[in-house]
N, C-alpha and C. Protein backbone atom coordinates (compact mmCIF):
# COMPACT_ATOMS: atom_id res chain seq x y z
N MET A 1 0.30 13.18 -6.83
CA MET A 1 -0.64 12.57 -5.90
C MET A 1 -1.71 11.80 -6.66
N LYS A 2 -2.10 10.67 -6.13
CA LYS A 2 -3.20 9.89 -6.69
C LYS A 2 -4.35 9.84 -5.69
N ILE A 3 -5.56 9.92 -6.22
CA ILE A 3 -6.74 9.78 -5.37
C ILE A 3 -7.13 8.31 -5.34
N THR A 4 -7.05 7.71 -4.16
CA THR A 4 -7.41 6.31 -3.99
C THR A 4 -8.75 6.14 -3.29
N LYS A 5 -9.25 7.21 -2.70
CA LYS A 5 -10.53 7.14 -2.00
C LYS A 5 -11.22 8.50 -2.10
N ALA A 6 -12.43 8.50 -2.61
CA ALA A 6 -13.21 9.73 -2.73
C ALA A 6 -14.65 9.42 -2.36
N GLU A 7 -15.18 10.14 -1.38
CA GLU A 7 -16.55 9.86 -0.96
C GLU A 7 -17.29 11.16 -0.67
N PHE A 8 -18.54 11.20 -1.13
CA PHE A 8 -19.39 12.34 -0.81
C PHE A 8 -19.74 12.29 0.67
N VAL A 9 -19.60 13.41 1.35
CA VAL A 9 -19.89 13.46 2.79
C VAL A 9 -21.19 14.18 3.06
N GLN A 10 -21.32 15.43 2.57
CA GLN A 10 -22.57 16.14 2.81
C GLN A 10 -22.64 17.42 2.00
N SER A 11 -23.86 17.96 1.92
CA SER A 11 -24.12 19.25 1.29
C SER A 11 -24.51 20.25 2.36
N SER A 12 -24.29 21.51 2.06
CA SER A 12 -24.65 22.55 3.02
C SER A 12 -24.92 23.85 2.30
N THR A 13 -25.52 24.79 3.01
CA THR A 13 -25.70 26.14 2.49
C THR A 13 -25.02 27.16 3.39
N ARG A 14 -24.50 26.71 4.53
CA ARG A 14 -23.79 27.60 5.45
C ARG A 14 -22.56 26.90 6.00
N VAL A 15 -21.54 27.68 6.30
CA VAL A 15 -20.29 27.12 6.79
C VAL A 15 -20.49 26.32 8.08
N ASP A 16 -21.41 26.76 8.93
CA ASP A 16 -21.59 26.04 10.20
C ASP A 16 -22.28 24.69 10.02
N GLN A 17 -22.64 24.35 8.78
CA GLN A 17 -23.24 23.03 8.51
C GLN A 17 -22.24 22.05 7.90
N LYS A 18 -21.04 22.50 7.60
CA LYS A 18 -20.11 21.65 6.87
C LYS A 18 -19.47 20.61 7.80
N PRO A 19 -18.75 19.62 7.25
CA PRO A 19 -18.15 18.57 8.07
C PRO A 19 -17.29 19.14 9.19
N ALA A 20 -17.30 18.45 10.31
CA ALA A 20 -16.66 18.97 11.53
C ALA A 20 -15.20 18.55 11.67
N ASP A 21 -14.69 17.69 10.75
CA ASP A 21 -13.34 17.16 10.99
C ASP A 21 -12.22 18.10 10.55
N LYS A 22 -12.57 19.25 9.95
CA LYS A 22 -11.62 20.35 9.73
C LYS A 22 -10.38 19.94 8.93
N LEU A 23 -10.59 19.18 7.86
CA LEU A 23 -9.50 18.87 6.95
C LEU A 23 -9.29 20.03 5.97
N PRO A 24 -8.10 20.16 5.39
CA PRO A 24 -7.88 21.22 4.39
C PRO A 24 -8.86 21.07 3.23
N GLU A 25 -9.27 22.22 2.68
CA GLU A 25 -10.28 22.21 1.63
C GLU A 25 -9.76 22.91 0.37
N PHE A 26 -10.00 22.27 -0.78
CA PHE A 26 -9.70 22.85 -2.08
C PHE A 26 -11.04 22.93 -2.83
N ALA A 27 -11.46 24.14 -3.14
CA ALA A 27 -12.80 24.34 -3.70
C ALA A 27 -12.72 24.63 -5.19
N PHE A 28 -13.80 24.25 -5.90
CA PHE A 28 -13.89 24.42 -7.35
C PHE A 28 -15.14 25.22 -7.68
N ILE A 29 -14.98 26.23 -8.53
CA ILE A 29 -16.10 27.08 -8.89
C ILE A 29 -15.93 27.55 -10.33
N GLY A 30 -17.02 27.95 -10.96
CA GLY A 30 -16.94 28.49 -12.31
C GLY A 30 -18.33 28.88 -12.78
N ARG A 31 -18.38 29.51 -13.93
CA ARG A 31 -19.69 29.81 -14.50
C ARG A 31 -20.44 28.51 -14.77
N SER A 32 -21.74 28.61 -14.76
CA SER A 32 -22.57 27.43 -15.01
C SER A 32 -22.23 26.80 -16.36
N ASN A 33 -22.20 25.48 -16.39
CA ASN A 33 -21.96 24.70 -17.61
C ASN A 33 -20.51 24.76 -18.08
N VAL A 34 -19.58 25.04 -17.15
CA VAL A 34 -18.17 25.11 -17.53
C VAL A 34 -17.51 23.73 -17.48
N GLY A 35 -18.25 22.73 -16.99
CA GLY A 35 -17.71 21.38 -16.92
C GLY A 35 -17.13 21.02 -15.57
N LYS A 36 -17.66 21.66 -14.52
CA LYS A 36 -17.10 21.46 -13.18
C LYS A 36 -17.32 20.05 -12.66
N SER A 37 -18.53 19.54 -12.75
CA SER A 37 -18.79 18.20 -12.25
C SER A 37 -18.00 17.15 -13.01
N SER A 38 -17.89 17.32 -14.32
CA SER A 38 -17.11 16.37 -15.13
C SER A 38 -15.64 16.41 -14.73
N LEU A 39 -15.12 17.60 -14.45
CA LEU A 39 -13.72 17.72 -14.02
C LEU A 39 -13.51 17.02 -12.68
N ILE A 40 -14.42 17.24 -11.74
CA ILE A 40 -14.30 16.61 -10.42
C ILE A 40 -14.33 15.09 -10.56
N ASN A 41 -15.23 14.59 -11.36
CA ASN A 41 -15.31 13.14 -11.57
C ASN A 41 -14.03 12.60 -12.21
N MET A 42 -13.47 13.36 -13.15
CA MET A 42 -12.22 12.94 -13.79
C MET A 42 -11.08 12.91 -12.79
N LEU A 43 -10.95 13.95 -11.98
CA LEU A 43 -9.87 13.99 -11.00
C LEU A 43 -9.95 12.83 -10.03
N CYS A 44 -11.18 12.43 -9.69
CA CYS A 44 -11.38 11.38 -8.70
C CYS A 44 -11.53 9.99 -9.32
N SER A 45 -11.44 9.91 -10.66
CA SER A 45 -11.61 8.63 -11.37
C SER A 45 -12.92 7.94 -11.00
N ASN A 46 -13.97 8.76 -10.89
CA ASN A 46 -15.28 8.24 -10.51
C ASN A 46 -16.33 9.03 -11.29
N GLY A 47 -16.88 8.41 -12.33
CA GLY A 47 -17.81 9.10 -13.20
C GLY A 47 -19.12 9.48 -12.58
N LYS A 48 -19.39 8.99 -11.38
CA LYS A 48 -20.69 9.25 -10.75
C LYS A 48 -20.57 10.01 -9.44
N LEU A 49 -19.38 10.51 -9.12
CA LEU A 49 -19.20 11.16 -7.83
C LEU A 49 -19.98 12.47 -7.76
N ALA A 50 -19.68 13.38 -8.67
CA ALA A 50 -20.43 14.64 -8.75
C ALA A 50 -21.46 14.49 -9.86
N LYS A 51 -22.66 14.94 -9.59
CA LYS A 51 -23.74 14.78 -10.56
C LYS A 51 -23.58 15.77 -11.70
N THR A 52 -23.46 15.22 -12.93
CA THR A 52 -23.36 16.07 -14.10
C THR A 52 -24.75 16.26 -14.70
N SER A 53 -24.92 17.37 -15.40
CA SER A 53 -26.22 17.68 -15.97
C SER A 53 -26.05 18.53 -17.21
N GLN A 54 -26.94 18.36 -18.19
CA GLN A 54 -26.98 19.25 -19.34
C GLN A 54 -27.64 20.57 -18.99
N THR A 55 -28.24 20.64 -17.82
CA THR A 55 -28.92 21.86 -17.39
C THR A 55 -27.99 22.71 -16.54
N PRO A 56 -27.62 23.90 -17.03
CA PRO A 56 -26.74 24.76 -16.23
C PRO A 56 -27.40 25.13 -14.91
N GLY A 57 -26.58 25.40 -13.91
CA GLY A 57 -27.10 25.84 -12.63
C GLY A 57 -27.60 24.73 -11.74
N LYS A 58 -27.18 23.49 -12.02
CA LYS A 58 -27.68 22.35 -11.26
C LYS A 58 -27.20 22.36 -9.81
N THR A 59 -25.92 22.71 -9.60
CA THR A 59 -25.37 22.71 -8.26
C THR A 59 -25.82 23.97 -7.52
N LYS A 60 -26.56 23.78 -6.43
CA LYS A 60 -27.04 24.94 -5.67
C LYS A 60 -26.63 24.85 -4.20
N LEU A 61 -25.83 23.84 -3.89
CA LEU A 61 -25.35 23.64 -2.53
C LEU A 61 -23.83 23.55 -2.55
N VAL A 62 -23.23 23.67 -1.38
CA VAL A 62 -21.80 23.43 -1.23
C VAL A 62 -21.64 21.95 -0.90
N ASN A 63 -20.97 21.21 -1.78
CA ASN A 63 -20.82 19.76 -1.62
C ASN A 63 -19.40 19.40 -1.22
N HIS A 64 -19.28 18.66 -0.14
CA HIS A 64 -17.97 18.23 0.37
C HIS A 64 -17.71 16.77 0.02
N PHE A 65 -16.55 16.52 -0.61
CA PHE A 65 -16.09 15.16 -0.91
C PHE A 65 -14.79 14.93 -0.16
N ARG A 66 -14.75 13.90 0.69
CA ARG A 66 -13.53 13.60 1.44
C ARG A 66 -12.60 12.78 0.57
N ILE A 67 -11.36 13.26 0.41
CA ILE A 67 -10.39 12.65 -0.49
C ILE A 67 -9.25 12.03 0.32
N ASN A 68 -9.05 10.72 0.10
CA ASN A 68 -7.96 9.99 0.76
C ASN A 68 -7.95 10.18 2.28
N ASP A 69 -9.11 10.52 2.84
CA ASP A 69 -9.23 10.79 4.28
C ASP A 69 -8.25 11.86 4.75
N ARG A 70 -7.83 12.71 3.81
CA ARG A 70 -6.80 13.70 4.13
C ARG A 70 -7.23 15.14 3.84
N TRP A 71 -8.10 15.31 2.81
CA TRP A 71 -8.53 16.67 2.46
C TRP A 71 -9.91 16.62 1.81
N TYR A 72 -10.52 17.78 1.70
CA TYR A 72 -11.83 17.87 1.07
C TYR A 72 -11.74 18.56 -0.28
N LEU A 73 -12.37 17.96 -1.26
CA LEU A 73 -12.66 18.63 -2.51
C LEU A 73 -14.05 19.23 -2.35
N VAL A 74 -14.18 20.53 -2.56
CA VAL A 74 -15.44 21.22 -2.31
C VAL A 74 -16.00 21.73 -3.64
N ASP A 75 -17.20 21.30 -3.96
CA ASP A 75 -17.89 21.66 -5.19
C ASP A 75 -18.85 22.81 -4.86
N LEU A 76 -18.54 24.01 -5.38
CA LEU A 76 -19.37 25.19 -5.11
C LEU A 76 -20.37 25.41 -6.24
N PRO A 77 -21.49 26.08 -5.94
CA PRO A 77 -22.43 26.40 -7.02
C PRO A 77 -21.79 27.26 -8.09
N GLY A 78 -22.27 27.14 -9.31
CA GLY A 78 -21.77 27.99 -10.39
C GLY A 78 -22.31 29.40 -10.26
N TYR A 79 -21.61 30.35 -10.88
CA TYR A 79 -22.09 31.73 -10.86
C TYR A 79 -22.44 32.16 -12.28
N GLY A 80 -23.25 33.21 -12.38
CA GLY A 80 -23.54 33.80 -13.68
C GLY A 80 -24.61 33.09 -14.48
N TYR A 81 -25.47 32.31 -13.83
CA TYR A 81 -26.52 31.63 -14.59
C TYR A 81 -27.71 32.56 -14.72
N ALA A 82 -27.93 33.10 -15.92
CA ALA A 82 -28.87 34.19 -16.14
C ALA A 82 -30.33 33.78 -15.96
N LYS A 83 -30.66 32.50 -16.15
CA LYS A 83 -32.07 32.11 -16.15
C LYS A 83 -32.66 31.97 -14.74
N LEU A 84 -31.83 32.07 -13.72
CA LEU A 84 -32.37 32.07 -12.37
C LEU A 84 -33.03 33.40 -12.07
N SER A 85 -34.01 33.38 -11.17
CA SER A 85 -34.62 34.64 -10.75
C SER A 85 -33.59 35.46 -9.97
N ALA A 86 -33.85 36.74 -9.84
CA ALA A 86 -32.93 37.62 -9.10
C ALA A 86 -32.77 37.12 -7.67
N ARG A 87 -33.87 36.67 -7.07
CA ARG A 87 -33.81 36.17 -5.69
C ARG A 87 -32.92 34.93 -5.60
N ASP A 88 -33.08 34.01 -6.56
CA ASP A 88 -32.27 32.79 -6.54
C ASP A 88 -30.80 33.09 -6.79
N ARG A 89 -30.53 34.06 -7.69
CA ARG A 89 -29.13 34.45 -7.92
C ARG A 89 -28.52 35.04 -6.66
N GLU A 90 -29.27 35.87 -5.97
CA GLU A 90 -28.77 36.46 -4.72
C GLU A 90 -28.51 35.38 -3.68
N GLU A 91 -29.38 34.39 -3.62
CA GLU A 91 -29.20 33.32 -2.64
C GLU A 91 -27.95 32.51 -2.97
N LEU A 92 -27.72 32.22 -4.26
CA LEU A 92 -26.51 31.50 -4.64
C LEU A 92 -25.26 32.30 -4.29
N GLN A 93 -25.31 33.60 -4.55
CA GLN A 93 -24.18 34.45 -4.18
C GLN A 93 -23.92 34.40 -2.68
N ARG A 94 -24.99 34.40 -1.91
CA ARG A 94 -24.83 34.34 -0.45
C ARG A 94 -24.18 33.02 -0.05
N VAL A 95 -24.63 31.91 -0.64
CA VAL A 95 -24.06 30.59 -0.31
C VAL A 95 -22.58 30.55 -0.68
N ILE A 96 -22.24 31.05 -1.87
CA ILE A 96 -20.85 31.03 -2.34
C ILE A 96 -19.95 31.86 -1.43
N TRP A 97 -20.35 33.10 -1.18
CA TRP A 97 -19.46 34.00 -0.43
C TRP A 97 -19.46 33.69 1.05
N ASP A 98 -20.53 33.11 1.57
CA ASP A 98 -20.50 32.65 2.96
C ASP A 98 -19.41 31.61 3.13
N TYR A 99 -19.32 30.70 2.17
CA TYR A 99 -18.27 29.67 2.24
C TYR A 99 -16.89 30.31 2.08
N ILE A 100 -16.71 31.12 1.04
CA ILE A 100 -15.38 31.69 0.76
C ILE A 100 -14.89 32.55 1.93
N HIS A 101 -15.78 33.36 2.48
CA HIS A 101 -15.38 34.25 3.56
C HIS A 101 -15.16 33.53 4.88
N ARG A 102 -15.95 32.50 5.15
CA ARG A 102 -16.00 31.98 6.51
C ARG A 102 -15.37 30.60 6.71
N SER A 103 -15.04 29.89 5.64
CA SER A 103 -14.44 28.58 5.84
C SER A 103 -12.97 28.73 6.20
N GLU A 104 -12.65 28.45 7.45
CA GLU A 104 -11.26 28.59 7.90
C GLU A 104 -10.35 27.51 7.30
N GLU A 105 -10.95 26.44 6.79
CA GLU A 105 -10.16 25.34 6.22
C GLU A 105 -9.88 25.51 4.73
N LEU A 106 -10.48 26.52 4.10
CA LEU A 106 -10.26 26.74 2.68
C LEU A 106 -8.80 27.09 2.43
N VAL A 107 -8.13 26.26 1.64
CA VAL A 107 -6.72 26.48 1.31
C VAL A 107 -6.59 27.21 -0.02
N MET A 108 -7.42 26.79 -0.98
CA MET A 108 -7.30 27.36 -2.33
C MET A 108 -8.60 27.16 -3.10
N LEU A 109 -8.88 28.11 -3.96
CA LEU A 109 -10.06 28.05 -4.81
C LEU A 109 -9.61 27.94 -6.26
N PHE A 110 -10.12 26.94 -6.97
CA PHE A 110 -9.85 26.80 -8.40
C PHE A 110 -11.03 27.38 -9.18
N VAL A 111 -10.74 28.38 -10.01
CA VAL A 111 -11.77 29.00 -10.84
C VAL A 111 -11.70 28.36 -12.23
N LEU A 112 -12.81 27.77 -12.66
CA LEU A 112 -12.85 27.07 -13.94
C LEU A 112 -13.35 28.00 -15.04
N VAL A 113 -12.66 27.96 -16.18
CA VAL A 113 -13.00 28.80 -17.32
C VAL A 113 -12.97 27.93 -18.57
N ASP A 114 -13.95 28.08 -19.45
CA ASP A 114 -14.00 27.31 -20.71
C ASP A 114 -12.85 27.74 -21.60
N SER A 115 -11.99 26.79 -21.96
CA SER A 115 -10.77 27.10 -22.72
C SER A 115 -11.05 27.59 -24.13
N ARG A 116 -12.26 27.42 -24.63
CA ARG A 116 -12.56 27.76 -26.02
C ARG A 116 -12.86 29.24 -26.21
N HIS A 117 -13.08 29.96 -25.12
CA HIS A 117 -13.60 31.32 -25.23
C HIS A 117 -12.74 32.33 -24.48
N ASP A 118 -12.93 33.61 -24.83
CA ASP A 118 -12.34 34.67 -24.03
C ASP A 118 -13.00 34.65 -22.65
N MET A 119 -12.22 34.98 -21.63
CA MET A 119 -12.80 35.10 -20.31
C MET A 119 -13.83 36.23 -20.30
N GLN A 120 -14.95 35.99 -19.65
CA GLN A 120 -15.99 36.99 -19.59
C GLN A 120 -15.74 37.94 -18.42
N GLU A 121 -16.40 39.09 -18.49
CA GLU A 121 -16.24 40.09 -17.42
C GLU A 121 -16.63 39.52 -16.07
N ILE A 122 -17.62 38.63 -16.05
CA ILE A 122 -18.04 38.06 -14.76
C ILE A 122 -16.91 37.21 -14.15
N ASP A 123 -16.14 36.52 -15.00
CA ASP A 123 -14.98 35.76 -14.50
C ASP A 123 -13.92 36.71 -13.95
N LEU A 124 -13.62 37.75 -14.71
CA LEU A 124 -12.59 38.69 -14.31
C LEU A 124 -12.97 39.42 -13.03
N ARG A 125 -14.24 39.79 -12.90
CA ARG A 125 -14.70 40.46 -11.67
C ARG A 125 -14.61 39.54 -10.48
N PHE A 126 -14.97 38.27 -10.69
CA PHE A 126 -14.91 37.31 -9.60
C PHE A 126 -13.47 37.14 -9.13
N MET A 127 -12.53 36.99 -10.07
CA MET A 127 -11.12 36.84 -9.70
C MET A 127 -10.60 38.10 -9.02
N ALA A 128 -11.05 39.26 -9.49
CA ALA A 128 -10.62 40.51 -8.86
C ALA A 128 -11.09 40.55 -7.41
N SER A 129 -12.31 40.09 -7.16
CA SER A 129 -12.83 40.05 -5.79
C SER A 129 -11.98 39.13 -4.92
N LEU A 130 -11.58 37.99 -5.47
CA LEU A 130 -10.73 37.07 -4.72
C LEU A 130 -9.40 37.74 -4.38
N GLY A 131 -8.83 38.44 -5.37
CA GLY A 131 -7.56 39.12 -5.14
C GLY A 131 -7.67 40.20 -4.08
N GLU A 132 -8.75 40.97 -4.14
CA GLU A 132 -8.95 42.05 -3.17
C GLU A 132 -9.07 41.51 -1.75
N GLU A 133 -9.60 40.30 -1.63
CA GLU A 133 -9.83 39.73 -0.30
C GLU A 133 -8.74 38.75 0.11
N GLY A 134 -7.71 38.63 -0.73
CA GLY A 134 -6.58 37.79 -0.37
C GLY A 134 -6.88 36.30 -0.36
N ILE A 135 -7.81 35.86 -1.22
CA ILE A 135 -8.16 34.44 -1.31
C ILE A 135 -7.25 33.79 -2.35
N PRO A 136 -6.41 32.83 -1.98
CA PRO A 136 -5.55 32.16 -2.97
C PRO A 136 -6.39 31.42 -4.01
N PHE A 137 -6.05 31.60 -5.28
CA PHE A 137 -6.81 30.90 -6.31
C PHE A 137 -5.91 30.52 -7.48
N GLY A 138 -6.37 29.52 -8.21
CA GLY A 138 -5.76 29.12 -9.46
C GLY A 138 -6.84 29.07 -10.53
N ILE A 139 -6.43 28.93 -11.77
CA ILE A 139 -7.37 28.87 -12.88
C ILE A 139 -7.22 27.53 -13.60
N ILE A 140 -8.33 26.89 -13.86
CA ILE A 140 -8.33 25.66 -14.67
C ILE A 140 -9.13 25.93 -15.94
N PHE A 141 -8.46 25.90 -17.08
CA PHE A 141 -9.16 26.03 -18.36
C PHE A 141 -9.68 24.64 -18.74
N THR A 142 -11.00 24.50 -18.80
CA THR A 142 -11.65 23.22 -19.04
C THR A 142 -11.91 22.99 -20.53
N LYS A 143 -12.32 21.76 -20.85
CA LYS A 143 -12.72 21.36 -22.20
C LYS A 143 -11.58 21.53 -23.20
N GLY A 144 -10.37 21.20 -22.74
CA GLY A 144 -9.19 21.36 -23.57
C GLY A 144 -9.15 20.44 -24.79
N ASP A 145 -10.02 19.45 -24.82
CA ASP A 145 -10.08 18.53 -25.97
C ASP A 145 -10.95 19.07 -27.10
N LYS A 146 -11.65 20.17 -26.87
CA LYS A 146 -12.63 20.66 -27.85
C LYS A 146 -12.00 21.47 -28.97
N SER A 147 -10.74 21.88 -28.79
CA SER A 147 -10.05 22.66 -29.82
C SER A 147 -8.77 21.94 -30.23
N GLY A 148 -8.28 22.24 -31.42
CA GLY A 148 -6.99 21.72 -31.83
C GLY A 148 -5.89 22.33 -30.98
N PRO A 149 -4.71 21.70 -30.92
CA PRO A 149 -3.66 22.17 -30.02
C PRO A 149 -3.21 23.61 -30.30
N ASN A 150 -3.13 24.01 -31.56
CA ASN A 150 -2.69 25.37 -31.88
C ASN A 150 -3.74 26.41 -31.49
N VAL A 151 -5.00 26.09 -31.79
CA VAL A 151 -6.10 26.99 -31.43
C VAL A 151 -6.19 27.11 -29.90
N LEU A 152 -6.07 25.98 -29.22
CA LEU A 152 -6.13 25.97 -27.76
C LEU A 152 -5.01 26.83 -27.17
N ALA A 153 -3.78 26.61 -27.65
CA ALA A 153 -2.64 27.35 -27.11
C ALA A 153 -2.80 28.85 -27.34
N ALA A 154 -3.30 29.23 -28.52
CA ALA A 154 -3.48 30.65 -28.82
C ALA A 154 -4.54 31.27 -27.92
N GLN A 155 -5.63 30.54 -27.65
CA GLN A 155 -6.68 31.07 -26.79
C GLN A 155 -6.20 31.21 -25.35
N ILE A 156 -5.44 30.23 -24.88
CA ILE A 156 -4.90 30.31 -23.52
C ILE A 156 -3.97 31.51 -23.39
N GLU A 157 -3.11 31.73 -24.39
CA GLU A 157 -2.20 32.88 -24.34
C GLU A 157 -2.97 34.19 -24.38
N LYS A 158 -4.04 34.23 -25.14
CA LYS A 158 -4.88 35.44 -25.19
C LYS A 158 -5.48 35.72 -23.82
N ASN A 159 -5.96 34.68 -23.15
CA ASN A 159 -6.55 34.86 -21.83
C ASN A 159 -5.50 35.25 -20.80
N LYS A 160 -4.30 34.69 -20.92
CA LYS A 160 -3.22 35.09 -20.00
C LYS A 160 -2.88 36.57 -20.18
N ALA A 161 -2.82 37.00 -21.44
CA ALA A 161 -2.51 38.40 -21.71
C ALA A 161 -3.58 39.31 -21.12
N ARG A 162 -4.83 38.89 -21.20
CA ARG A 162 -5.92 39.69 -20.60
C ARG A 162 -5.76 39.76 -19.09
N LEU A 163 -5.40 38.65 -18.47
CA LEU A 163 -5.19 38.65 -17.02
C LEU A 163 -4.07 39.60 -16.62
N LEU A 164 -3.01 39.63 -17.41
CA LEU A 164 -1.86 40.46 -17.08
C LEU A 164 -2.15 41.95 -17.22
N GLU A 165 -3.30 42.29 -17.81
CA GLU A 165 -3.71 43.70 -17.81
C GLU A 165 -4.12 44.14 -16.41
N ASP A 166 -4.54 43.18 -15.59
CA ASP A 166 -5.03 43.50 -14.24
C ASP A 166 -4.12 43.01 -13.13
N TRP A 167 -3.28 42.01 -13.42
CA TRP A 167 -2.47 41.36 -12.39
C TRP A 167 -1.00 41.50 -12.71
N GLU A 168 -0.20 41.68 -11.67
CA GLU A 168 1.25 41.77 -11.87
C GLU A 168 1.85 40.42 -12.24
N GLU A 169 1.28 39.36 -11.70
CA GLU A 169 1.73 38.02 -12.06
C GLU A 169 0.53 37.09 -12.13
N LEU A 170 0.69 36.02 -12.88
CA LEU A 170 -0.42 35.10 -13.09
C LEU A 170 -0.56 34.13 -11.93
N PRO A 171 -1.78 33.73 -11.61
CA PRO A 171 -1.97 32.65 -10.64
C PRO A 171 -1.58 31.32 -11.27
N PRO A 172 -1.52 30.24 -10.51
CA PRO A 172 -1.30 28.92 -11.12
C PRO A 172 -2.37 28.64 -12.18
N ILE A 173 -1.95 28.17 -13.33
CA ILE A 173 -2.88 27.94 -14.44
C ILE A 173 -2.72 26.51 -14.95
N PHE A 174 -3.86 25.85 -15.17
CA PHE A 174 -3.88 24.48 -15.66
C PHE A 174 -4.85 24.39 -16.84
N VAL A 175 -4.58 23.45 -17.73
CA VAL A 175 -5.49 23.17 -18.84
C VAL A 175 -5.93 21.72 -18.71
N SER A 176 -7.24 21.48 -18.77
CA SER A 176 -7.74 20.13 -18.50
C SER A 176 -8.75 19.68 -19.55
N SER A 177 -8.97 18.39 -19.57
CA SER A 177 -10.05 17.80 -20.36
C SER A 177 -10.62 16.63 -19.57
N ALA A 178 -11.91 16.68 -19.31
CA ALA A 178 -12.55 15.57 -18.61
C ALA A 178 -12.61 14.34 -19.50
N VAL A 179 -12.54 14.52 -20.83
CA VAL A 179 -12.62 13.41 -21.77
C VAL A 179 -11.29 12.66 -21.85
N SER A 180 -10.20 13.39 -22.01
CA SER A 180 -8.89 12.76 -22.18
C SER A 180 -8.11 12.65 -20.86
N ALA A 181 -8.63 13.27 -19.81
CA ALA A 181 -7.98 13.32 -18.49
C ALA A 181 -6.68 14.12 -18.50
N SER A 182 -6.49 14.94 -19.53
CA SER A 182 -5.32 15.81 -19.53
C SER A 182 -5.45 16.83 -18.40
N GLY A 183 -4.34 17.17 -17.81
CA GLY A 183 -4.33 18.10 -16.70
C GLY A 183 -4.52 17.45 -15.34
N LYS A 184 -4.96 16.20 -15.32
CA LYS A 184 -5.25 15.53 -14.05
C LYS A 184 -4.01 15.44 -13.18
N THR A 185 -2.92 14.94 -13.74
CA THR A 185 -1.69 14.78 -12.97
C THR A 185 -1.19 16.11 -12.45
N GLU A 186 -1.21 17.13 -13.31
CA GLU A 186 -0.70 18.44 -12.92
C GLU A 186 -1.52 19.05 -11.78
N ILE A 187 -2.84 18.96 -11.87
CA ILE A 187 -3.70 19.55 -10.84
C ILE A 187 -3.52 18.82 -9.51
N LEU A 188 -3.55 17.49 -9.56
CA LEU A 188 -3.43 16.72 -8.31
C LEU A 188 -2.04 16.86 -7.70
N ASP A 189 -1.00 16.89 -8.54
CA ASP A 189 0.35 17.08 -8.00
C ASP A 189 0.47 18.45 -7.34
N TYR A 190 -0.16 19.46 -7.92
CA TYR A 190 -0.12 20.79 -7.33
C TYR A 190 -0.81 20.78 -5.96
N ILE A 191 -1.98 20.16 -5.89
CA ILE A 191 -2.67 20.05 -4.60
C ILE A 191 -1.81 19.32 -3.60
N GLY A 192 -1.15 18.25 -4.04
CA GLY A 192 -0.27 17.50 -3.15
C GLY A 192 0.87 18.36 -2.61
N GLN A 193 1.44 19.19 -3.48
CA GLN A 193 2.52 20.08 -3.05
C GLN A 193 2.03 21.10 -2.02
N VAL A 194 0.84 21.63 -2.25
CA VAL A 194 0.27 22.59 -1.30
C VAL A 194 0.01 21.92 0.05
N LEU A 195 -0.52 20.71 0.01
CA LEU A 195 -0.79 19.98 1.26
C LEU A 195 0.49 19.75 2.06
N GLN A 196 1.57 19.47 1.36
CA GLN A 196 2.85 19.24 2.04
C GLN A 196 3.39 20.51 2.69
N SER A 197 2.96 21.65 2.18
CA SER A 197 3.51 22.92 2.66
C SER A 197 2.72 23.52 3.82
N ILE A 198 1.57 22.91 4.16
CA ILE A 198 0.75 23.50 5.23
C ILE A 198 0.83 22.66 6.50
């Protein structure tokens, strides 16, 4: 699938504020500073669609982007940003889980993880929560250009092995780079296949 049209529609903090046209939604989430905005811009071939920042925790709203007038790409706030106050962290958690629990149009959630590092407990707990609640999800390992191919492959295999300690089978897994656009075709083709099946 190719994205020929991508437009920001609106931001919200509650499901009842989101766009009313009820198109299928594919949401993206990850720890702060995992490269989510850069990935979204790469997928949409638009460097200014999602606002990127050197400051972690920039996204604090649920942002809907209408893609090809057929589906929504949903940019969720990041989790695990330690410098926020306890109250602000709780509010972000409320915004995130209100969307995950209540959006009837949510088809799949992509959890972004930095490909250079071991998955953190906060990532594993978040995925476990998704599994317990029956939320379909995939994993996108970001920043795939930051390591050499052998180092990257070894780290991905290490993370897969860690996942298999908790899961009987792996979710869909992708490796991406916002710099080289690697993974773009695979991610979009997967979304296209899912859209055809619903």
